[in-house]
Amino acid sequence: MKNLKTLTAAIFIALLMNTTSSFAFPAISATANSDQELYTAIEQLVQFPAELTSRSESAHVWTTFKVNEEGWIEVEDVQGKKAFADYIKKQMELISVENPDLYGKTYRIKINFNFQTK
């Protein structure tokens, strides 16, 4: 009986560690090795937000971000309509950079959202 309790506790701890590590390390949505690949990754990840299509509005957002020493995007500033700015911040943080030459670099880009009816 003692062995069963120990085995059950070990399995529970293993499951708990697996679950918490998946929250700590989200799946990488896009990676980049150069400035151009970084811009391409942003273009791929940033689409017109589906939840904002009902508003029928266009917007542009300026964002300043830095590639940290671990290769992840850290958004420093976002300027524009709040809903679009919040979306940009969330999407940008899904991008990782593999090239250490880009670590520590800061970028400022303008992202346009053009609403078009289909």
C-alpha atoms as a PDB file:
ATOM      1  CA  MET A   1       0.000   0.000   0.000  1.00  0.00           C
ATOM      2  CA  LYS A   2       2.893   2.340   0.820  1.00  0.00           C
ATOM      3  CA  ASN A   3       4.389   1.686  -2.642  1.00  0.00           C
ATOM      4  CA  LEU A   4       1.068   2.565  -4.290  1.00  0.00           C
ATOM      5  CA  LYS A   5       0.901   5.901  -2.422  1.00  0.00           C
ATOM      6  CA  THR A   6       4.501   6.687  -3.370  1.00  0.00           C
ATOM      7  CA  LEU A   7       3.878   5.798  -7.017  1.00  0.00           C
ATOM      8  CA  THR A   8       0.684   7.879  -7.090  1.00  0.00           C
ATOM      9  CA  ALA A   9       2.499  10.859  -5.558  1.00  0.00           C
ATOM     10  CA  ALA A  10       5.355  10.536  -8.066  1.00  0.00           C
ATOM     11  CA  ILE A  11       2.955  10.448 -11.025  1.00  0.00           C
ATOM     12  CA  PHE A  12       1.053  13.458  -9.675  1.00  0.00           C
ATOM     13  CA  ILE A  13       4.268  15.456  -9.245  1.00  0.00           C
ATOM     14  CA  ALA A  14       5.416  14.519 -12.766  1.00  0.00           C
ATOM     15  CA  LEU A  15       2.092  15.634 -14.233  1.00  0.00           C
ATOM     16  CA  LEU A  16       2.177  18.868 -12.244  1.00  0.00           C
ATOM     17  CA  MET A  17       5.722  19.685 -13.418  1.00  0.00           C
ATOM     18  CA  ASN A  18       4.799  18.931 -17.030  1.00  0.00           C
ATOM     19  CA  THR A  19       1.756  21.208 -16.846  1.00  0.00           C
ATOM     20  CA  THR A  20       3.610  24.122 -15.261  1.00  0.00           C
ATOM     21  CA  SER A  21       6.526  23.878 -17.688  1.00  0.00           C
ATOM     22  CA  SER A  22       4.167  24.150 -20.645  1.00  0.00           C
ATOM     23  CA  PHE A  23       2.899  27.455 -19.226  1.00  0.00           C
ATOM     24  CA  ALA A  24       6.432  28.719 -18.671  1.00  0.00           C
ATOM     25  CA  PHE A  25       7.593  27.869 -22.184  1.00  0.00           C
ATOM     26  CA  PRO A  26       4.870  28.594 -24.741  1.00  0.00           C
ATOM     27  CA  ALA A  27       5.139  27.146 -28.217  1.00  0.00           C
ATOM     28  CA  ILE A  28       7.173  29.292 -30.545  1.00  0.00           C
ATOM     29  CA  SER A  29       4.946  30.761 -33.215  1.00  0.00           C
ATOM     30  CA  ALA A  30       7.675  32.281 -35.361  1.00  0.00           C
ATOM     31  CA  THR A  31      11.448  32.486 -35.385  1.00  0.00           C
ATOM     32  CA  ALA A  32      13.856  34.816 -37.144  1.00  0.00           C
ATOM     33  CA  ASN A  33      17.571  34.850 -37.971  1.00  0.00           C
ATOM     34  CA  SER A  34      17.878  38.264 -39.634  1.00  0.00           C
ATOM     35  CA  ASP A  35      16.159  41.640 -39.726  1.00  0.00           C
ATOM     36  CA  GLN A  36      14.298  40.604 -42.873  1.00  0.00           C
ATOM     37  CA  GLU A  37      13.136  37.314 -41.334  1.00  0.00           C
ATOM     38  CA  LEU A  38      11.993  39.254 -38.270  1.00  0.00           C
ATOM     39  CA  TYR A  39       9.853  41.541 -40.441  1.00  0.00           C
ATOM     40  CA  THR A  40       8.500  38.487 -42.288  1.00  0.00           C
ATOM     41  CA  ALA A  41       7.626  36.790 -38.982  1.00  0.00           C
ATOM     42  CA  ILE A  42       5.754  39.917 -37.893  1.00  0.00           C
ATOM     43  CA  GLU A  43       3.844  39.986 -41.192  1.00  0.00           C
ATOM     44  CA  GLN A  44       2.894  36.319 -40.753  1.00  0.00           C
ATOM     45  CA  LEU A  45       1.723  36.640 -37.158  1.00  0.00           C
ATOM     46  CA  VAL A  46      -0.003  40.000 -37.323  1.00  0.00           C
ATOM     47  CA  GLN A  47      -3.242  39.809 -39.261  1.00  0.00           C
ATOM     48  CA  PHE A  48      -6.374  41.895 -38.945  1.00  0.00           C
ATOM     49  CA  PRO A  49      -7.812  40.808 -35.566  1.00  0.00           C
ATOM     50  CA  ALA A  50     -10.960  38.751 -36.130  1.00  0.00           C
ATOM     51  CA  GLU A  51     -12.583  40.164 -33.007  1.00  0.00           C
ATOM     52  CA  LEU A  52     -12.292  43.693 -34.430  1.00  0.00           C
ATOM     53  CA  THR A  53     -13.877  43.086 -37.835  1.00  0.00           C
ATOM     54  CA  SER A  54     -17.296  44.062 -36.515  1.00  0.00           C
ATOM     55  CA  ARG A  55     -16.015  47.605 -35.939  1.00  0.00           C
ATOM     56  CA  SER A  56     -15.334  48.183 -39.641  1.00  0.00           C
ATOM     57  CA  GLU A  57     -12.385  50.446 -38.933  1.00  0.00           C
ATOM     58  CA  SER A  58      -8.794  50.710 -40.043  1.00  0.00           C
ATOM     59  CA  ALA A  59      -5.902  51.732 -37.842  1.00  0.00           C
ATOM     60  CA  HIS A  60      -2.165  51.996 -37.654  1.00  0.00           C
ATOM     61  CA  VAL A  61      -0.020  51.130 -34.664  1.00  0.00           C
ATOM     62  CA  TRP A  62       3.542  52.177 -33.893  1.00  0.00           C
ATOM     63  CA  THR A  63       5.456  49.697 -31.774  1.00  0.00           C
ATOM     64  CA  THR A  64       8.900  49.820 -30.247  1.00  0.00           C
ATOM     65  CA  PHE A  65      10.370  46.500 -29.232  1.00  0.00           C
ATOM     66  CA  LYS A  66      13.662  44.964 -28.248  1.00  0.00           C
ATOM     67  CA  VAL A  67      15.110  41.502 -28.735  1.00  0.00           C
ATOM     68  CA  ASN A  68      16.201  40.398 -25.263  1.00  0.00           C
ATOM     69  CA  GLU A  69      19.309  38.332 -24.490  1.00  0.00           C
ATOM     70  CA  GLU A  70      17.270  35.120 -24.630  1.00  0.00           C
ATOM     71  CA  GLY A  71      16.019  35.910 -28.120  1.00  0.00           C
ATOM     72  CA  TRP A  72      12.438  36.879 -27.255  1.00  0.00           C
ATOM     73  CA  ILE A  73      10.648  40.063 -28.295  1.00  0.00           C
ATOM     74  CA  GLU A  74       9.993  42.500 -25.460  1.00  0.00           C
ATOM     75  CA  VAL A  75       7.481  45.160 -26.436  1.00  0.00           C
ATOM     76  CA  GLU A  76       8.557  48.484 -24.932  1.00  0.00           C
ATOM     77  CA  ASP A  77       5.898  50.812 -26.332  1.00  0.00           C
ATOM     78  CA  VAL A  78       2.770  50.566 -28.466  1.00  0.00           C
ATOM     79  CA  GLN A  79       0.919  53.616 -29.764  1.00  0.00           C
ATOM     80  CA  GLY A  80      -2.404  53.505 -31.557  1.00  0.00           C
ATOM     81  CA  LYS A  81      -6.000  52.510 -30.971  1.00  0.00           C
ATOM     82  CA  LYS A  82      -6.121  50.488 -27.762  1.00  0.00           C
ATOM     83  CA  ALA A  83      -7.724  47.317 -29.125  1.00  0.00           C
ATOM     84  CA  PHE A  84      -5.216  47.126 -31.986  1.00  0.00           C
ATOM     85  CA  ALA A  85      -2.306  48.001 -29.675  1.00  0.00           C
ATOM     86  CA  ASP A  86      -3.268  45.244 -27.228  1.00  0.00           C
ATOM     87  CA  TYR A  87      -3.451  42.743 -30.089  1.00  0.00           C
ATOM     88  CA  ILE A  88      -0.003  43.789 -31.374  1.00  0.00           C
ATOM     89  CA  LYS A  89       1.600  43.411 -27.981  1.00  0.00           C
ATOM     90  CA  LYS A  90       0.201  39.914 -27.562  1.00  0.00           C
ATOM     91  CA  GLN A  91       1.281  38.786 -31.043  1.00  0.00           C
ATOM     92  CA  MET A  92       4.780  40.296 -30.921  1.00  0.00           C
ATOM     93  CA  GLU A  93       5.660  38.395 -27.781  1.00  0.00           C
ATOM     94  CA  LEU A  94       5.193  35.098 -29.673  1.00  0.00           C
ATOM     95  CA  ILE A  95       8.251  35.765 -31.832  1.00  0.00           C
ATOM     96  CA  SER A  96      11.700  34.472 -30.999  1.00  0.00           C
ATOM     97  CA  VAL A  97      15.007  35.382 -32.624  1.00  0.00           C
ATOM     98  CA  GLU A  98      17.732  32.774 -33.056  1.00  0.00           C
ATOM     99  CA  ASN A  99      20.563  35.014 -34.283  1.00  0.00           C
ATOM    100  CA  PRO A 100      22.582  36.371 -31.314  1.00  0.00           C
ATOM    101  CA  ASP A 101      23.665  39.325 -33.493  1.00  0.00           C
ATOM    102  CA  LEU A 102      20.098  40.663 -33.147  1.00  0.00           C
ATOM    103  CA  TYR A 103      20.031  40.351 -29.343  1.00  0.00           C
ATOM    104  CA  GLY A 104      19.820  43.732 -27.680  1.00  0.00           C
ATOM    105  CA  LYS A 105      18.656  45.525 -30.845  1.00  0.00           C
ATOM    106  CA  THR A 106      15.696  47.876 -30.610  1.00  0.00           C
ATOM    107  CA  TYR A 107      13.216  48.341 -33.453  1.00  0.00           C
ATOM    108  CA  ARG A 108      10.401  50.810 -34.129  1.00  0.00           C
ATOM    109  CA  ILE A 109       7.896  49.862 -36.800  1.00  0.00           C
ATOM    110  CA  LYS A 110       4.513  50.987 -38.053  1.00  0.00           C
ATOM    111  CA  ILE A 111       1.861  48.331 -38.615  1.00  0.00           C
ATOM    112  CA  ASN A 112      -1.181  49.172 -40.727  1.00  0.00           C
ATOM    113  CA  PHE A 113      -4.539  47.489 -40.320  1.00  0.00           C
ATOM    114  CA  ASN A 114      -6.692  48.129 -43.368  1.00  0.00           C
ATOM    115  CA  PHE A 115     -10.270  46.997 -42.934  1.00  0.00           C
ATOM    116  CA  GLN A 116     -11.744  45.663 -46.179  1.00  0.00           C
ATOM    117  CA  THR A 117     -15.182  44.201 -46.712  1.00  0.00           C
ATOM    118  CA  LYS A 118     -15.292  40.952 -48.608  1.00  0.00           C
END
